[in-house]
Amino acid sequence: MLTAQRAVTPLRAFLVLLFAILVLFQTMSLPGQFAHMARENPDMAYLRWPATAVTIFWVLCVQVVIVCTWHLLTLVKNDRIFTEASLGWVDGIVWTVAAAWVVLVGVFLYVGFNADDPGLPLLLFLLVTGVSVLGLLMVVLRALLRQATTLRTDMEAVI
């Protein structure tokens, strides 16, 4: 089984790959996809720019989480994860997930009130539920990190 120290390097490699793929999506794929959809379905062309902006925002949120995770991995590698510095990076993840959730709920409500077919609203409801679970999980993990940091600080003070 991989130890935390040995898992940091491959995880970082995959984070770099994921970040690069997201940049590609952000700059080429998503704008091009929505431009194509606007040409193919002129009745929905008015959604091109809002849909592009929202999806690029969500990709940006994932990129922020990647950067915060990178910094947390640096703290793990340096055996400094149980310090106050780590809480700021976890807060960055929590607030980013919250921002993505708010926009997702807005999209869900817009689509839900304007949909003719229940498929997309159900998919969006699934996503809202999943992001809610992720956000709440991060809040719980932050509380656990806070407790562990306090315990480690107390132990170091005793020694």
C-alpha atoms as a PDB file:
ATOM      1  CA  MET A   1       0.000   0.000   0.000  1.00  0.00           C
ATOM      2  CA  LEU A   2       1.259   3.477  -0.876  1.00  0.00           C
ATOM      3  CA  THR A   3       2.133   5.752   1.981  1.00  0.00           C
ATOM      4  CA  ALA A   4       1.004   9.352   1.909  1.00  0.00           C
ATOM      5  CA  GLN A   5       4.528  10.538   1.082  1.00  0.00           C
ATOM      6  CA  ARG A   6       4.808   8.162  -1.877  1.00  0.00           C
ATOM      7  CA  ALA A   7       1.361   9.060  -3.208  1.00  0.00           C
ATOM      8  CA  VAL A   8       2.152  12.796  -3.414  1.00  0.00           C
ATOM      9  CA  THR A   9       4.277  12.626  -6.581  1.00  0.00           C
ATOM     10  CA  PRO A  10       1.858  10.615  -8.753  1.00  0.00           C
ATOM     11  CA  LEU A  11      -1.057  12.669  -7.461  1.00  0.00           C
ATOM     12  CA  ARG A  12       0.739  15.853  -8.449  1.00  0.00           C
ATOM     13  CA  ALA A  13       1.394  14.428 -11.923  1.00  0.00           C
ATOM     14  CA  PHE A  14      -2.316  13.709 -12.364  1.00  0.00           C
ATOM     15  CA  LEU A  15      -3.238  17.160 -11.018  1.00  0.00           C
ATOM     16  CA  VAL A  16      -0.973  18.779 -13.626  1.00  0.00           C
ATOM     17  CA  LEU A  17      -2.551  16.641 -16.351  1.00  0.00           C
ATOM     18  CA  LEU A  18      -6.057  17.456 -15.143  1.00  0.00           C
ATOM     19  CA  PHE A  19      -5.255  21.175 -14.973  1.00  0.00           C
ATOM     20  CA  ALA A  20      -3.876  21.128 -18.528  1.00  0.00           C
ATOM     21  CA  ILE A  21      -6.963  19.327 -19.838  1.00  0.00           C
ATOM     22  CA  LEU A  22      -9.200  21.832 -18.079  1.00  0.00           C
ATOM     23  CA  VAL A  23      -7.326  24.748 -19.665  1.00  0.00           C
ATOM     24  CA  LEU A  24      -7.892  23.128 -23.062  1.00  0.00           C
ATOM     25  CA  PHE A  25     -11.617  22.774 -22.321  1.00  0.00           C
ATOM     26  CA  GLN A  26     -11.805  26.308 -20.980  1.00  0.00           C
ATOM     27  CA  THR A  27     -10.182  27.966 -23.950  1.00  0.00           C
ATOM     28  CA  MET A  28     -11.186  25.845 -26.908  1.00  0.00           C
ATOM     29  CA  SER A  29     -13.703  23.088 -26.356  1.00  0.00           C
ATOM     30  CA  LEU A  30     -16.429  24.780 -24.334  1.00  0.00           C
ATOM     31  CA  PRO A  31     -16.610  28.046 -26.327  1.00  0.00           C
ATOM     32  CA  GLY A  32     -16.480  26.083 -29.572  1.00  0.00           C
ATOM     33  CA  GLN A  33     -19.164  23.649 -28.424  1.00  0.00           C
ATOM     34  CA  PHE A  34     -21.591  26.389 -27.466  1.00  0.00           C
ATOM     35  CA  ALA A  35     -20.905  28.293 -30.709  1.00  0.00           C
ATOM     36  CA  HIS A  36     -21.672  25.103 -32.643  1.00  0.00           C
ATOM     37  CA  MET A  37     -24.858  24.538 -30.639  1.00  0.00           C
ATOM     38  CA  ALA A  38     -25.971  28.121 -31.352  1.00  0.00           C
ATOM     39  CA  ARG A  39     -25.477  27.589 -35.098  1.00  0.00           C
ATOM     40  CA  GLU A  40     -27.305  24.247 -35.057  1.00  0.00           C
ATOM     41  CA  ASN A  41     -30.220  25.434 -32.913  1.00  0.00           C
ATOM     42  CA  PRO A  42     -30.843  29.163 -33.527  1.00  0.00           C
ATOM     43  CA  ASP A  43     -33.857  29.176 -31.178  1.00  0.00           C
ATOM     44  CA  MET A  44     -31.510  28.543 -28.252  1.00  0.00           C
ATOM     45  CA  ALA A  45     -28.648  30.745 -29.503  1.00  0.00           C
ATOM     46  CA  TYR A  46     -29.364  33.317 -26.777  1.00  0.00           C
ATOM     47  CA  LEU A  47     -28.005  30.792 -24.245  1.00  0.00           C
ATOM     48  CA  ARG A  48     -24.592  30.608 -25.934  1.00  0.00           C
ATOM     49  CA  TRP A  49     -22.811  33.214 -23.816  1.00  0.00           C
ATOM     50  CA  PRO A  50     -24.490  32.474 -20.467  1.00  0.00           C
ATOM     51  CA  ALA A  51     -23.795  28.745 -20.907  1.00  0.00           C
ATOM     52  CA  THR A  52     -20.196  29.457 -21.911  1.00  0.00           C
ATOM     53  CA  ALA A  53     -19.659  31.745 -18.917  1.00  0.00           C
ATOM     54  CA  VAL A  54     -21.202  29.318 -16.426  1.00  0.00           C
ATOM     55  CA  THR A  55     -19.281  26.286 -17.645  1.00  0.00           C
ATOM     56  CA  ILE A  56     -15.997  28.199 -17.763  1.00  0.00           C
ATOM     57  CA  PHE A  57     -16.716  29.389 -14.206  1.00  0.00           C
ATOM     58  CA  TRP A  58     -17.200  25.773 -13.089  1.00  0.00           C
ATOM     59  CA  VAL A  59     -13.944  24.753 -14.759  1.00  0.00           C
ATOM     60  CA  LEU A  60     -12.246  27.666 -12.992  1.00  0.00           C
ATOM     61  CA  CYS A  61     -13.654  26.387  -9.691  1.00  0.00           C
ATOM     62  CA  VAL A  62     -12.118  22.972 -10.327  1.00  0.00           C
ATOM     63  CA  GLN A  63      -8.810  24.670 -11.150  1.00  0.00           C
ATOM     64  CA  VAL A  64      -8.892  26.573  -7.845  1.00  0.00           C
ATOM     65  CA  VAL A  65      -9.510  23.291  -6.009  1.00  0.00           C
ATOM     66  CA  ILE A  66      -6.533  21.781  -7.856  1.00  0.00           C
ATOM     67  CA  VAL A  67      -4.267  24.666  -6.792  1.00  0.00           C
ATOM     68  CA  CYS A  68      -5.440  24.388  -3.164  1.00  0.00           C
ATOM     69  CA  THR A  69      -4.880  20.630  -3.266  1.00  0.00           C
ATOM     70  CA  TRP A  70      -1.379  21.192  -4.656  1.00  0.00           C
ATOM     71  CA  HIS A  71      -0.531  23.436  -1.717  1.00  0.00           C
ATOM     72  CA  LEU A  72      -1.987  20.912   0.730  1.00  0.00           C
ATOM     73  CA  LEU A  73       0.172  18.211  -0.863  1.00  0.00           C
ATOM     74  CA  THR A  74       3.217  20.424  -0.326  1.00  0.00           C
ATOM     75  CA  LEU A  75       2.293  20.625   3.347  1.00  0.00           C
ATOM     76  CA  VAL A  76       1.884  16.834   3.474  1.00  0.00           C
ATOM     77  CA  LYS A  77       5.256  16.304   1.820  1.00  0.00           C
ATOM     78  CA  ASN A  78       6.931  18.692   4.295  1.00  0.00           C
ATOM     79  CA  ASP A  79       5.073  17.085   7.239  1.00  0.00           C
ATOM     80  CA  ARG A  80       3.355  20.395   7.994  1.00  0.00           C
ATOM     81  CA  ILE A  81      -0.248  19.441   7.184  1.00  0.00           C
ATOM     82  CA  PHE A  82      -1.302  19.805  10.828  1.00  0.00           C
ATOM     83  CA  THR A  83      -0.603  23.537  10.961  1.00  0.00           C
ATOM     84  CA  GLU A  84      -2.737  26.652  10.675  1.00  0.00           C
ATOM     85  CA  ALA A  85      -1.459  27.148   7.107  1.00  0.00           C
ATOM     86  CA  SER A  86      -3.378  24.103   5.905  1.00  0.00           C
ATOM     87  CA  LEU A  87      -6.698  25.473   7.125  1.00  0.00           C
ATOM     88  CA  GLY A  88      -6.515  28.404   4.707  1.00  0.00           C
ATOM     89  CA  TRP A  89      -6.129  26.079   1.736  1.00  0.00           C
ATOM     90  CA  VAL A  90      -8.997  23.908   2.926  1.00  0.00           C
ATOM     91  CA  ASP A  91     -11.086  27.068   3.343  1.00  0.00           C
ATOM     92  CA  GLY A  92     -10.263  27.894  -0.272  1.00  0.00           C
ATOM     93  CA  ILE A  93     -11.680  24.544  -1.337  1.00  0.00           C
ATOM     94  CA  VAL A  94     -14.792  24.958   0.826  1.00  0.00           C
ATOM     95  CA  TRP A  95     -15.559  28.458  -0.492  1.00  0.00           C
ATOM     96  CA  THR A  96     -14.904  27.408  -4.093  1.00  0.00           C
ATOM     97  CA  VAL A  97     -17.265  24.445  -3.786  1.00  0.00           C
ATOM     98  CA  ALA A  98     -19.842  26.778  -2.215  1.00  0.00           C
ATOM     99  CA  ALA A  99     -19.557  29.255  -5.106  1.00  0.00           C
ATOM    100  CA  ALA A 100     -19.902  26.472  -7.681  1.00  0.00           C
ATOM    101  CA  TRP A 101     -22.908  25.117  -5.752  1.00  0.00           C
ATOM    102  CA  VAL A 102     -24.685  28.499  -5.750  1.00  0.00           C
ATOM    103  CA  VAL A 103     -24.293  28.847  -9.520  1.00  0.00           C
ATOM    104  CA  LEU A 104     -25.355  25.217 -10.008  1.00  0.00           C
ATOM    105  CA  VAL A 105     -28.521  25.780  -7.965  1.00  0.00           C
ATOM    106  CA  GLY A 106     -29.275  28.839 -10.109  1.00  0.00           C
ATOM    107  CA  VAL A 107     -28.864  26.811 -13.293  1.00  0.00           C
ATOM    108  CA  PHE A 108     -30.967  23.993 -11.811  1.00  0.00           C
ATOM    109  CA  LEU A 109     -33.800  26.407 -10.961  1.00  0.00           C
ATOM    110  CA  TYR A 110     -33.668  28.094 -14.378  1.00  0.00           C
ATOM    111  CA  VAL A 111     -33.685  24.789 -16.238  1.00  0.00           C
ATOM    112  CA  GLY A 112     -36.242  23.256 -13.887  1.00  0.00           C
ATOM    113  CA  PHE A 113     -38.763  26.038 -14.447  1.00  0.00           C
ATOM    114  CA  ASN A 114     -38.221  26.096 -18.223  1.00  0.00           C
ATOM    115  CA  ALA A 115     -37.820  22.413 -19.079  1.00  0.00           C
ATOM    116  CA  ASP A 116     -40.253  20.366 -21.140  1.00  0.00           C
ATOM    117  CA  ASP A 117     -38.472  17.101 -20.345  1.00  0.00           C
ATOM    118  CA  PRO A 118     -37.569  15.927 -16.812  1.00  0.00           C
ATOM    119  CA  GLY A 119     -34.208  14.452 -17.892  1.00  0.00           C
ATOM    120  CA  LEU A 120     -31.983  17.526 -17.581  1.00  0.00           C
ATOM    121  CA  PRO A 121     -33.561  18.809 -14.338  1.00  0.00           C
ATOM    122  CA  LEU A 122     -33.076  15.355 -12.803  1.00  0.00           C
ATOM    123  CA  LEU A 123     -29.448  15.310 -13.910  1.00  0.00           C
ATOM    124  CA  LEU A 124     -28.922  18.775 -12.470  1.00  0.00           C
ATOM    125  CA  PHE A 125     -30.637  17.705  -9.232  1.00  0.00           C
ATOM    126  CA  LEU A 126     -28.196  14.802  -9.029  1.00  0.00           C
ATOM    127  CA  LEU A 127     -25.307  17.229  -9.508  1.00  0.00           C
ATOM    128  CA  VAL A 128     -26.686  19.641  -6.878  1.00  0.00           C
ATOM    129  CA  THR A 129     -26.968  16.747  -4.436  1.00  0.00           C
ATOM    130  CA  GLY A 130     -23.450  15.496  -5.241  1.00  0.00           C
ATOM    131  CA  VAL A 131     -21.857  18.936  -4.891  1.00  0.00           C
ATOM    132  CA  SER A 132     -23.795  19.431  -1.637  1.00  0.00           C
ATOM    133  CA  VAL A 133     -22.338  16.197  -0.291  1.00  0.00           C
ATOM    134  CA  LEU A 134     -18.849  17.213  -1.442  1.00  0.00           C
ATOM    135  CA  GLY A 135     -19.125  20.634   0.193  1.00  0.00           C
ATOM    136  CA  LEU A 136     -20.429  19.261   3.484  1.00  0.00           C
ATOM    137  CA  LEU A 137     -17.761  16.556   3.451  1.00  0.00           C
ATOM    138  CA  MET A 138     -15.094  19.239   3.075  1.00  0.00           C
ATOM    139  CA  VAL A 139     -16.573  21.116   6.056  1.00  0.00           C
ATOM    140  CA  VAL A 140     -16.380  17.931   8.163  1.00  0.00           C
ATOM    141  CA  LEU A 141     -12.826  17.214   6.994  1.00  0.00           C
ATOM    142  CA  ARG A 142     -11.852  20.788   7.834  1.00  0.00           C
ATOM    143  CA  ALA A 143     -13.223  20.315  11.357  1.00  0.00           C
ATOM    144  CA  LEU A 144     -11.213  17.085  11.688  1.00  0.00           C
ATOM    145  CA  LEU A 145      -8.097  18.864  10.431  1.00  0.00           C
ATOM    146  CA  ARG A 146      -8.691  21.625  12.975  1.00  0.00           C
ATOM    147  CA  GLN A 147      -8.959  19.030  15.777  1.00  0.00           C
ATOM    148  CA  ALA A 148      -5.830  17.194  14.642  1.00  0.00           C
ATOM    149  CA  THR A 149      -3.922  20.476  14.373  1.00  0.00           C
ATOM    150  CA  THR A 150      -4.969  21.441  17.888  1.00  0.00           C
ATOM    151  CA  LEU A 151      -3.979  18.018  19.246  1.00  0.00           C
ATOM    152  CA  ARG A 152      -0.593  18.152  17.540  1.00  0.00           C
ATOM    153  CA  THR A 153       0.039  21.677  18.819  1.00  0.00           C
ATOM    154  CA  ASP A 154      -0.908  20.576  22.346  1.00  0.00           C
ATOM    155  CA  MET A 155       1.361  17.526  22.097  1.00  0.00           C
ATOM    156  CA  GLU A 156       4.289  19.633  20.900  1.00  0.00           C
ATOM    157  CA  ALA A 157       3.748  22.030  23.807  1.00  0.00           C
ATOM    158  CA  VAL A 158       3.913  19.136  26.274  1.00  0.00           C
ATOM    159  CA  ILE A 159       7.089  17.716  24.759  1.00  0.00           C
END
